[in-house]
Amino acid sequence: MGVVLFCLVVPAVCCALFGAIGVHLLRGHRAVRRLITSGVRTEGVCEGLSWHDDEVSVRFSYTLPDGTTHEADSYATGHTGIAPRDGVTAVYDPEAPTVAELEEHLESARSGRFRALVVLTPALAFFVVWLVIGIGVVAFA
């Protein structure tokens, strides 16, 4: 039972966890790339700030041309000069108007998610290889 746990269960759980994180990061990266290439700029308002460790994210609202108002949170960054009730420039996806980012955070959102994917990929590959080898060990044991 210990061999099966070590060779199959542990790497399978790690593959699932790292795979789910990777899918989440990849979707976020693709969404930001869409905003950069085909996003629509609009004026918005900072609704508040949230601090997590040494990073701050901005909660902002923006109004679409049809009058619909949406709220979103920006990608967390190390600093911002924005204060509550300040005007901001938001970029939203015209095909999915609830997907938006502050214009000034677009590049950091893209590069941050890309760096996270680059770091995550070798770890995921390690667990996949461990799982494949583990299947061979259990099959021949």
Protein backbone atom coordinates (compact mmCIF):
# COMPACT_ATOMS: atom_id res chain seq x y z
CA MET A 1 0.00 0.00 0.00
CA GLY A 2 2.89 2.37 0.77
CA VAL A 3 4.35 1.92 -2.72
CA VAL A 4 1.01 2.67 -4.36
CA LEU A 5 0.57 5.74 -2.18
CA PHE A 6 4.07 7.03 -2.92
CA CYS A 7 4.15 6.07 -6.62
CA LEU A 8 0.57 6.84 -7.67
CA VAL A 9 -1.55 8.76 -5.20
CA VAL A 10 0.90 11.51 -4.21
CA PRO A 11 1.96 12.41 -7.76
CA ALA A 12 -1.63 12.13 -9.07
CA VAL A 13 -2.89 14.57 -6.42
CA CYS A 14 0.01 16.93 -7.15
CA CYS A 15 -0.66 16.70 -10.91
CA ALA A 16 -4.32 17.55 -10.34
CA LEU A 17 -3.48 20.48 -8.06
CA PHE A 18 -0.74 21.94 -10.25
CA GLY A 19 -2.81 21.27 -13.37
CA ALA A 20 -5.79 23.18 -11.95
CA ILE A 21 -3.57 26.09 -10.98
CA GLY A 22 -2.00 26.04 -14.44
CA VAL A 23 -5.40 26.10 -16.17
CA HIS A 24 -6.48 29.04 -13.99
CA LEU A 25 -3.29 30.97 -14.79
CA LEU A 26 -3.52 30.16 -18.50
CA ARG A 27 -7.13 31.38 -18.70
CA GLY A 28 -6.17 34.59 -16.91
CA HIS A 29 -3.20 35.10 -19.22
CA ARG A 30 -5.35 34.59 -22.32
CA ALA A 31 -8.01 36.98 -20.99
CA VAL A 32 -5.41 39.71 -20.43
CA ARG A 33 -3.96 39.15 -23.91
CA ARG A 34 -7.47 39.60 -25.34
CA LEU A 35 -7.84 42.83 -23.37
CA ILE A 36 -4.52 44.10 -24.73
CA THR A 37 -5.35 43.27 -28.35
CA SER A 38 -9.08 43.95 -28.58
CA GLY A 39 -10.19 45.52 -25.31
CA VAL A 40 -12.30 48.68 -25.24
CA ARG A 41 -11.19 51.57 -23.06
CA THR A 42 -13.67 53.34 -20.85
CA GLU A 43 -13.64 55.62 -17.86
CA GLY A 44 -14.25 54.18 -14.44
CA VAL A 45 -14.05 55.00 -10.75
CA CYS A 46 -11.93 53.46 -8.00
CA GLU A 47 -14.32 51.98 -5.44
CA GLY A 48 -11.66 50.89 -2.96
CA LEU A 49 -8.26 49.33 -2.38
CA SER A 50 -7.32 45.92 -0.96
CA TRP A 51 -3.94 45.07 0.49
CA HIS A 52 -2.55 41.54 0.52
CA ASP A 53 0.94 41.29 1.97
CA ASP A 54 2.93 43.94 0.06
CA GLU A 55 0.57 44.18 -2.90
CA VAL A 56 -2.49 46.29 -3.54
CA SER A 57 -5.39 45.68 -5.87
CA VAL A 58 -7.97 48.24 -6.93
CA ARG A 59 -11.72 47.60 -6.92
CA PHE A 60 -13.18 49.69 -9.73
CA SER A 61 -16.47 50.23 -11.50
CA TYR A 62 -17.01 51.10 -15.14
CA THR A 63 -20.01 51.79 -17.32
CA LEU A 64 -20.59 50.32 -20.77
CA PRO A 65 -22.02 52.38 -23.64
CA ASP A 66 -25.44 50.79 -23.04
CA GLY A 67 -25.45 52.16 -19.47
CA THR A 68 -24.69 48.86 -17.73
CA THR A 69 -22.31 49.25 -14.79
CA HIS A 70 -19.87 46.52 -13.76
CA GLU A 71 -17.27 46.16 -11.01
CA ALA A 72 -13.95 44.35 -11.15
CA ASP A 73 -10.72 43.95 -9.22
CA SER A 74 -7.38 44.83 -10.75
CA TYR A 75 -4.33 42.62 -10.81
CA ALA A 76 -2.44 43.03 -7.54
CA THR A 77 0.65 45.20 -7.93
CA GLY A 78 3.35 46.52 -5.64
CA HIS A 79 2.11 50.09 -5.75
CA THR A 80 -0.57 52.35 -7.11
CA GLY A 81 -1.18 56.07 -7.05
CA ILE A 82 -4.94 55.54 -7.17
CA ALA A 83 -7.15 56.47 -4.24
CA PRO A 84 -10.83 55.71 -3.63
CA ARG A 85 -13.17 57.80 -5.83
CA ASP A 86 -10.35 58.62 -8.30
CA GLY A 87 -11.12 58.32 -11.98
CA VAL A 88 -9.44 55.38 -13.71
CA THR A 89 -9.16 54.06 -17.24
CA ALA A 90 -10.52 50.53 -17.52
CA VAL A 91 -10.24 48.15 -20.44
CA TYR A 92 -13.02 45.59 -20.88
CA ASP A 93 -13.59 42.72 -23.27
CA PRO A 94 -16.48 43.62 -25.61
CA GLU A 95 -17.39 39.92 -25.96
CA ALA A 96 -17.36 39.39 -22.16
CA PRO A 97 -17.93 42.84 -20.61
CA THR A 98 -17.47 41.56 -17.05
CA VAL A 99 -13.80 40.86 -17.84
CA ALA A 100 -11.89 44.07 -17.25
CA GLU A 101 -8.59 45.43 -16.02
CA LEU A 102 -7.13 48.81 -15.28
CA GLU A 103 -5.18 50.05 -18.27
CA GLU A 104 -2.12 50.75 -16.13
CA HIS A 105 -2.10 47.15 -14.83
CA LEU A 106 -2.49 45.32 -18.16
CA GLU A 107 1.19 44.66 -18.76
CA SER A 108 1.92 43.63 -15.17
CA ALA A 109 -1.11 41.28 -15.26
CA ARG A 110 0.13 39.69 -18.49
CA SER A 111 3.74 39.32 -17.40
CA GLY A 112 2.89 38.20 -13.87
CA ARG A 113 0.67 35.37 -15.06
CA PHE A 114 3.22 34.38 -17.70
CA ARG A 115 6.03 34.23 -15.11
CA ALA A 116 3.84 32.11 -12.84
CA LEU A 117 3.17 29.70 -15.72
CA VAL A 118 6.89 29.47 -16.46
CA VAL A 119 7.61 28.62 -12.82
CA LEU A 120 4.72 26.16 -12.57
CA THR A 121 5.46 24.17 -15.74
CA PRO A 122 8.63 22.37 -14.52
CA ALA A 123 6.90 21.42 -11.26
CA LEU A 124 3.93 19.99 -13.16
CA ALA A 125 6.29 18.14 -15.52
CA PHE A 126 8.14 16.67 -12.51
CA PHE A 127 4.92 15.27 -11.03
CA VAL A 128 3.77 13.89 -14.40
CA VAL A 129 7.10 12.08 -14.84
CA TRP A 130 6.87 10.81 -11.24
CA LEU A 131 3.37 9.49 -11.95
CA VAL A 132 4.43 7.77 -15.20
CA ILE A 133 7.40 6.14 -13.49
CA GLY A 134 5.15 5.19 -10.56
CA ILE A 135 2.71 3.45 -12.89
CA GLY A 136 5.62 1.38 -14.23
CA VAL A 137 6.84 0.55 -10.72
CA VAL A 138 3.39 -0.56 -9.55
CA ALA A 139 2.73 -2.52 -12.75
CA PHE A 140 5.94 -4.51 -12.43
CA ALA A 141 5.83 -4.95 -8.65
